[in-house]
């Protein structure tokens, strides 16, 4: 590659990085609109002032007679700590900044995997359009970042197994931030299943590190004041009294569904284009898509999974040189 081509590639990557940061920052920067924000802020203050993280519910009068189960106590402590430093106006900016940095990191990761910078940019912006419904100051926004981090760790561990050691403490951290830590096991289990199905990998027993990591991650996720509570709440949408909640309802025909459909079409096109069929990626995307179509709140997690599984497939993708429907 000539020097001019290298400079041109660096310029495209720089422009795409700036656009990714600006676009995702704009999507993520929003006013404080979470109904339970003040409750979470008060619970976080309680952690730092010696009130603990359990006991009777101290603030919400609607269920004051119940015991407080604060399995996401670390998130509440986090937003209180950030609020004490930057104030109310700074909280949305910090959240948007984290997502902007994450967007640039993902774009550069996809670029190193061979994806064209502007193809990766459009994929990231499409995902950001789906994420915007879950980018409130609630545990979801940290959960989305952690899911992307696990995908990156799984990708790195496919080449260097030592990265799997990082996955285990991530699950321990995640289980104290949000109950949807269960979704983080999908990238790990899918890699293990891929190694188990492949004859050569099965002969060399390459699946054991992935199975061991999933098992160790599960044990680490129990390091919570309420061990295993997320296993109960991860499927709370099935409860009859909560099933009518908008975030627990099926997607319907709104913007989420269109985005899921768009990613599904892209996956099908890439799957059909490649000689070596990316079964693992297609199945992983299908798992998240099925969850998203059943429960609206999981649409954002599907978008994150789609970026990390579809994005690398863009490497080397070229449109047909001629019209496939035309004459030979």
Protein backbone atom coordinates (compact mmCIF):
# COMPACT_ATOMS: atom_id res chain seq x y z
CA UNK A 1 0.00 0.00 0.00
CA UNK A 2 1.40 3.37 -1.01
CA UNK A 3 1.84 6.30 1.33
CA UNK A 4 -1.04 8.15 -0.36
CA UNK A 5 -3.35 5.19 0.18
CA UNK A 6 -2.32 4.95 3.83
CA UNK A 7 -3.00 8.65 4.35
CA UNK A 8 -6.36 8.30 2.61
CA UNK A 9 -7.29 5.33 4.85
CA UNK A 10 -6.28 7.23 7.99
CA UNK A 11 -8.32 10.24 6.86
CA UNK A 12 -11.41 8.11 6.24
CA UNK A 13 -11.02 6.45 9.62
CA UNK A 14 -10.62 9.83 11.34
CA UNK A 15 -13.72 11.29 9.65
CA UNK A 16 -15.76 8.16 10.44
CA UNK A 17 -14.56 8.25 14.07
CA UNK A 18 -15.62 11.88 14.50
CA UNK A 19 -18.99 11.15 12.89
CA UNK A 20 -19.51 8.07 15.10
CA UNK A 21 -18.69 10.02 18.25
CA UNK A 22 -20.92 12.96 17.31
CA UNK A 23 -23.84 10.79 16.20
CA UNK A 24 -23.84 8.45 19.18
CA UNK A 25 -23.22 11.33 21.62
CA UNK A 26 -26.29 13.07 20.19
CA UNK A 27 -28.41 9.93 20.57
CA UNK A 28 -27.22 9.35 24.14
CA UNK A 29 -27.43 12.94 25.38
CA UNK A 30 -30.92 13.32 26.80
CA UNK A 31 -32.63 14.93 29.73
CA UNK A 32 -33.10 13.01 32.97
CA UNK A 33 -36.45 11.34 32.28
CA UNK A 34 -36.28 8.07 34.23
CA UNK A 35 -39.21 7.80 36.63
CA UNK A 36 -37.08 6.05 39.25
CA UNK A 37 -34.02 8.31 38.94
CA UNK A 38 -34.57 10.12 42.24
CA UNK A 39 -35.17 6.84 44.04
CA UNK A 40 -31.94 5.41 42.65
CA UNK A 41 -30.02 8.56 43.55
CA UNK A 42 -31.33 8.34 47.11
CA UNK A 43 -30.37 4.66 47.32
CA UNK A 44 -26.87 5.51 46.08
CA UNK A 45 -26.55 8.24 48.70
CA UNK A 46 -27.63 5.68 51.31
CA UNK A 47 -24.71 3.44 50.31
CA UNK A 48 -22.18 6.23 50.94
CA UNK A 49 -23.77 7.50 54.14
CA UNK A 50 -23.72 4.18 55.95
CA UNK A 51 -27.33 3.16 55.39
CA UNK A 52 -26.34 -0.07 53.71
CA UNK A 53 -27.96 -1.76 50.74
CA UNK A 54 -30.63 -3.92 52.35
CA UNK A 55 -33.31 -3.77 55.04
CA UNK A 56 -36.84 -2.35 54.74
CA UNK A 57 -37.64 -0.13 51.76
CA UNK A 58 -36.61 3.36 52.99
CA UNK A 59 -38.09 5.66 50.32
CA UNK A 60 -40.87 4.22 48.13
CA UNK A 61 -44.13 4.41 50.08
CA UNK A 62 -45.93 2.20 47.54
CA UNK A 63 -44.06 -0.86 48.80
CA UNK A 64 -42.73 0.40 52.12
CA UNK A 65 -43.69 -2.82 53.85
CA UNK A 66 -41.38 -4.93 51.67
CA UNK A 67 -37.71 -5.76 52.10
CA UNK A 68 -35.38 -3.84 49.81
CA UNK A 69 -33.66 -6.06 47.24
CA UNK A 70 -31.04 -3.83 45.67
CA UNK A 71 -29.08 -6.28 43.53
CA UNK A 72 -28.12 -3.35 41.26
CA UNK A 73 -26.76 -1.37 44.20
CA UNK A 74 -23.46 -0.65 42.44
CA UNK A 75 -25.21 1.31 39.68
CA UNK A 76 -27.06 3.43 42.23
CA UNK A 77 -23.80 4.14 44.03
CA UNK A 78 -22.18 5.03 40.68
CA UNK A 79 -24.76 7.63 39.64
CA UNK A 80 -24.70 9.19 43.10
CA UNK A 81 -20.91 9.43 42.98
CA UNK A 82 -20.99 11.01 39.49
CA UNK A 83 -23.79 13.38 40.56
CA UNK A 84 -21.76 14.50 43.60
CA UNK A 85 -18.90 15.45 41.25
CA UNK A 86 -20.59 16.91 38.15
CA UNK A 87 -24.13 17.68 39.34
CA UNK A 88 -27.41 17.07 37.54
CA UNK A 89 -26.37 18.79 34.32
CA UNK A 90 -23.22 16.67 34.11
CA UNK A 91 -24.90 13.26 34.45
CA UNK A 92 -26.38 13.13 30.90
CA UNK A 93 -23.09 14.46 29.52
CA UNK A 94 -21.07 11.74 31.25
CA UNK A 95 -23.44 9.08 29.95
CA UNK A 96 -23.26 10.45 26.39
CA UNK A 97 -19.47 10.75 26.63
CA UNK A 98 -19.15 7.08 27.63
CA UNK A 99 -21.24 5.99 24.65
CA UNK A 100 -19.38 8.30 22.28
CA UNK A 101 -16.04 6.85 23.35
CA UNK A 102 -17.47 3.34 23.05
CA UNK A 103 -18.69 4.09 19.51
CA UNK A 104 -15.24 5.24 18.40
CA UNK A 105 -13.63 2.19 20.02
CA UNK A 106 -16.05 -0.16 18.26
CA UNK A 107 -15.53 1.56 14.90
CA UNK A 108 -11.77 1.21 15.19
CA UNK A 109 -12.16 -2.41 16.31
CA UNK A 110 -14.29 -3.16 13.24
CA UNK A 111 -11.77 -1.35 11.06
CA UNK A 112 -8.97 -3.58 12.38
CA UNK A 113 -11.17 -6.54 11.54
CA UNK A 114 -11.25 -5.36 7.92
CA UNK A 115 -14.53 -3.48 7.74
CA UNK A 116 -14.54 -0.25 5.73
CA UNK A 117 -14.78 2.74 8.13
CA UNK A 118 -17.96 4.17 6.61
CA UNK A 119 -19.67 0.77 6.46
CA UNK A 120 -18.88 0.36 10.17
CA UNK A 121 -20.14 3.91 10.79
CA UNK A 122 -23.55 3.23 9.25
CA UNK A 123 -23.85 0.02 11.24
CA UNK A 124 -23.03 1.84 14.49
CA UNK A 125 -25.47 4.67 13.78
CA UNK A 126 -28.23 2.18 12.95
CA UNK A 127 -27.58 0.47 16.28
CA UNK A 128 -27.60 3.83 18.07
CA UNK A 129 -31.08 4.46 16.65
CA UNK A 130 -32.24 1.31 18.45
CA UNK A 131 -30.28 2.06 21.62
CA UNK A 132 -31.89 5.45 22.12
CA UNK A 133 -34.92 3.87 23.79
CA UNK A 134 -32.77 2.41 26.58
CA UNK A 135 -30.26 5.21 27.11
CA UNK A 136 -31.84 6.62 30.23
CA UNK A 137 -29.98 6.91 33.51
CA UNK A 138 -30.89 3.38 34.46
CA UNK A 139 -28.76 0.21 34.84
CA UNK A 140 -29.49 -0.69 31.20
CA UNK A 141 -27.00 1.82 29.84
CA UNK A 142 -24.09 0.25 31.74
CA UNK A 143 -25.37 -3.22 30.85
CA UNK A 144 -25.23 -2.35 27.15
CA UNK A 145 -21.62 -1.21 27.46
CA UNK A 146 -20.68 -4.37 29.35
CA UNK A 147 -22.34 -6.60 26.74
CA UNK A 148 -20.22 -4.97 24.03
CA UNK A 149 -17.13 -5.41 26.20
CA UNK A 150 -17.83 -9.14 26.58
CA UNK A 151 -18.16 -9.48 22.80
CA UNK A 152 -14.74 -7.84 22.36
CA UNK A 153 -13.19 -10.06 25.05
CA UNK A 154 -14.64 -13.18 23.39
CA UNK A 155 -13.19 -12.08 20.05
CA UNK A 156 -9.76 -11.52 21.57
CA UNK A 157 -9.92 -14.78 23.51
CA UNK A 158 -10.49 -16.68 20.27
CA UNK A 159 -6.89 -15.78 19.40
CA UNK A 160 -5.40 -15.56 22.89
CA UNK A 161 -7.07 -17.61 25.60
CA UNK A 162 -5.67 -15.50 28.45
CA UNK A 163 -8.33 -12.85 27.71
CA UNK A 164 -10.90 -15.25 29.16
CA UNK A 165 -9.52 -14.48 32.62
CA UNK A 166 -10.89 -10.95 32.24
CA UNK A 167 -14.41 -12.21 31.49
CA UNK A 168 -14.96 -13.76 34.93
CA UNK A 169 -14.57 -10.55 37.00
CA UNK A 170 -16.72 -8.72 34.44
CA UNK A 171 -19.62 -11.06 35.29
CA UNK A 172 -19.05 -10.46 39.00
CA UNK A 173 -19.20 -6.69 38.41
CA UNK A 174 -22.15 -6.90 36.03
CA UNK A 175 -24.34 -8.91 38.43
CA UNK A 176 -24.10 -6.04 40.94
CA UNK A 177 -25.05 -3.46 38.29
CA UNK A 178 -27.95 -5.03 36.40
CA UNK A 179 -30.03 -8.20 36.42
CA UNK A 180 -29.59 -8.78 32.68
CA UNK A 181 -26.09 -10.17 33.22
CA UNK A 182 -27.51 -13.42 31.83
CA UNK A 183 -27.24 -11.97 28.31
CA UNK A 184 -23.47 -11.74 28.70
CA UNK A 185 -23.18 -15.52 28.65
CA UNK A 186 -24.49 -15.75 25.07
CA UNK A 187 -21.20 -14.68 23.34
CA UNK A 188 -19.20 -17.07 25.53
CA UNK A 189 -21.52 -20.05 25.15
CA UNK A 190 -21.82 -19.52 21.39
CA UNK A 191 -18.03 -19.67 21.02
CA UNK A 192 -17.95 -22.90 23.02
CA UNK A 193 -20.75 -24.38 20.92
CA UNK A 194 -18.88 -23.44 17.76
CA UNK A 195 -15.75 -25.24 18.99
CA UNK A 196 -17.84 -28.24 20.03
CA UNK A 197 -19.50 -28.55 16.62
CA UNK A 198 -16.31 -28.11 14.56
CA UNK A 199 -14.65 -31.56 14.20
CA UNK A 200 -11.07 -30.25 14.29
CA UNK A 201 -11.72 -28.01 17.29
CA UNK A 202 -13.57 -30.83 19.05
CA UNK A 203 -10.64 -33.20 18.62
CA UNK A 204 -8.33 -30.61 20.19
CA UNK A 205 -10.93 -29.92 22.91
CA UNK A 206 -10.94 -26.19 22.26
CA UNK A 207 -14.39 -25.96 23.77
CA UNK A 208 -13.18 -26.53 27.34
CA UNK A 209 -11.84 -23.00 27.94
CA UNK A 210 -15.20 -21.54 26.88
CA UNK A 211 -17.22 -23.97 28.98
CA UNK A 212 -14.91 -23.35 31.95
CA UNK A 213 -15.22 -19.59 31.53
CA UNK A 214 -19.02 -19.79 31.38
CA UNK A 215 -19.07 -21.92 34.54
CA UNK A 216 -16.61 -19.65 36.37
CA UNK A 217 -18.53 -16.59 35.18
CA UNK A 218 -21.76 -18.03 36.55
CA UNK A 219 -20.14 -18.62 39.94
CA UNK A 220 -18.70 -15.10 39.86
CA UNK A 221 -22.13 -13.67 39.06
CA UNK A 222 -23.36 -15.12 42.37
CA UNK A 223 -21.05 -12.72 44.24
CA UNK A 224 -23.95 -10.47 45.04
CA UNK A 225 -25.74 -9.64 48.33
CA UNK A 226 -28.70 -11.52 46.78
CA UNK A 227 -26.97 -14.42 44.97
CA UNK A 228 -28.74 -15.60 41.86
CA UNK A 229 -31.49 -12.98 42.12
CA UNK A 230 -30.94 -12.09 38.47
CA UNK A 231 -32.04 -15.59 37.43
CA UNK A 232 -35.48 -14.74 38.79
CA UNK A 233 -35.75 -11.17 37.58
CA UNK A 234 -34.21 -11.78 34.13
CA UNK A 235 -37.50 -13.34 33.08
CA UNK A 236 -39.80 -11.04 35.04
CA UNK A 237 -41.63 -10.07 31.85
CA UNK A 238 -43.45 -13.41 31.95
CA UNK A 239 -45.18 -12.46 35.21
CA UNK A 240 -48.88 -11.69 34.61
CA UNK A 241 -48.86 -8.49 36.67
CA UNK A 242 -45.95 -7.00 34.73
CA UNK A 243 -46.64 -8.44 31.31
CA UNK A 244 -48.68 -5.39 30.31
CA UNK A 245 -45.72 -3.06 30.86
CA UNK A 246 -44.67 -1.32 27.61
CA UNK A 247 -41.04 -2.39 27.98
CA UNK A 248 -42.12 -6.00 28.59
CA UNK A 249 -44.52 -6.11 25.64
CA UNK A 250 -43.72 -7.51 22.19
CA UNK A 251 -42.15 -5.01 19.81
CA UNK A 252 -45.19 -4.58 17.59
CA UNK A 253 -44.79 -2.45 14.46
CA UNK A 254 -42.77 0.42 15.90
CA UNK A 255 -39.24 1.61 15.20
CA UNK A 256 -37.65 -1.24 17.13
CA UNK A 257 -39.20 -3.83 14.83
CA UNK A 258 -37.99 -2.04 11.71
CA UNK A 259 -34.45 -1.98 13.07
CA UNK A 260 -34.59 -5.69 13.94
CA UNK A 261 -35.88 -6.37 10.43
CA UNK A 262 -33.09 -4.25 8.91
CA UNK A 263 -30.38 -6.13 10.80
CA UNK A 264 -32.01 -9.46 9.91
CA UNK A 265 -31.93 -8.59 6.21
CA UNK A 266 -28.27 -7.53 6.47
CA UNK A 267 -27.38 -10.77 8.24
CA UNK A 268 -29.18 -12.85 5.61
CA UNK A 269 -27.44 -10.97 2.78
CA UNK A 270 -24.00 -11.42 4.33
CA UNK A 271 -24.74 -15.05 5.12
CA UNK A 272 -25.72 -15.76 1.52
CA UNK A 273 -22.71 -13.86 0.16
CA UNK A 274 -20.00 -15.75 2.02
CA UNK A 275 -18.68 -19.13 0.95
CA UNK A 276 -17.94 -20.08 4.56
CA UNK A 277 -21.28 -19.68 6.27
CA UNK A 278 -21.04 -17.75 9.58
CA UNK A 279 -23.33 -20.07 11.52
CA UNK A 280 -22.24 -18.90 14.94
CA UNK A 281 -22.84 -15.24 14.13
CA UNK A 282 -26.21 -15.96 12.53
CA UNK A 283 -27.40 -18.06 15.48
CA UNK A 284 -26.18 -15.49 18.05
CA UNK A 285 -27.99 -12.68 16.22
CA UNK A 286 -31.10 -14.88 15.96
CA UNK A 287 -31.09 -15.52 19.73
CA UNK A 288 -30.97 -11.81 20.51
CA UNK A 289 -33.54 -11.05 17.78
CA UNK A 290 -35.99 -13.59 19.23
CA UNK A 291 -35.56 -12.05 22.68
CA UNK A 292 -36.03 -8.54 21.27
CA UNK A 293 -39.18 -9.46 19.36
CA UNK A 294 -40.68 -10.90 22.53
CA UNK A 295 -39.74 -8.05 24.88
CA UNK A 296 -39.25 -4.49 23.69
CA UNK A 297 -36.62 -3.65 26.32
CA UNK A 298 -34.24 -6.19 24.76
CA UNK A 299 -34.22 -4.49 21.36
CA UNK A 300 -31.19 -2.43 22.36
CA UNK A 301 -29.27 -5.55 23.39
CA UNK A 302 -30.05 -7.09 20.02
CA UNK A 303 -28.61 -3.99 18.32
CA UNK A 304 -25.35 -4.31 20.29
CA UNK A 305 -25.08 -8.02 19.46
CA UNK A 306 -25.76 -7.30 15.78
CA UNK A 307 -22.94 -4.74 15.59
CA UNK A 308 -20.38 -7.15 17.00
CA UNK A 309 -21.52 -10.16 14.99
CA UNK A 310 -22.48 -8.52 11.69
CA UNK A 311 -19.72 -5.89 11.68
CA UNK A 312 -16.76 -8.26 11.22
CA UNK A 313 -18.62 -9.95 8.34
CA UNK A 314 -18.35 -6.68 6.42
CA UNK A 315 -14.63 -7.35 5.97
CA UNK A 316 -13.95 -8.02 2.32
CA UNK A 317 -17.61 -7.68 1.37
CA UNK A 318 -17.98 -6.39 -2.17
CA UNK A 319 -21.04 -5.90 -4.29
CA UNK A 320 -21.23 -8.10 -7.42
CA UNK A 321 -19.21 -6.69 -10.29
CA UNK A 322 -22.16 -7.11 -12.62
CA UNK A 323 -25.91 -7.32 -12.33
CA UNK A 324 -26.60 -10.90 -11.23
CA UNK A 325 -30.00 -10.73 -12.96
CA UNK A 326 -28.51 -9.56 -16.26
CA UNK A 327 -27.16 -11.55 -19.18
CA UNK A 328 -24.08 -13.74 -18.58
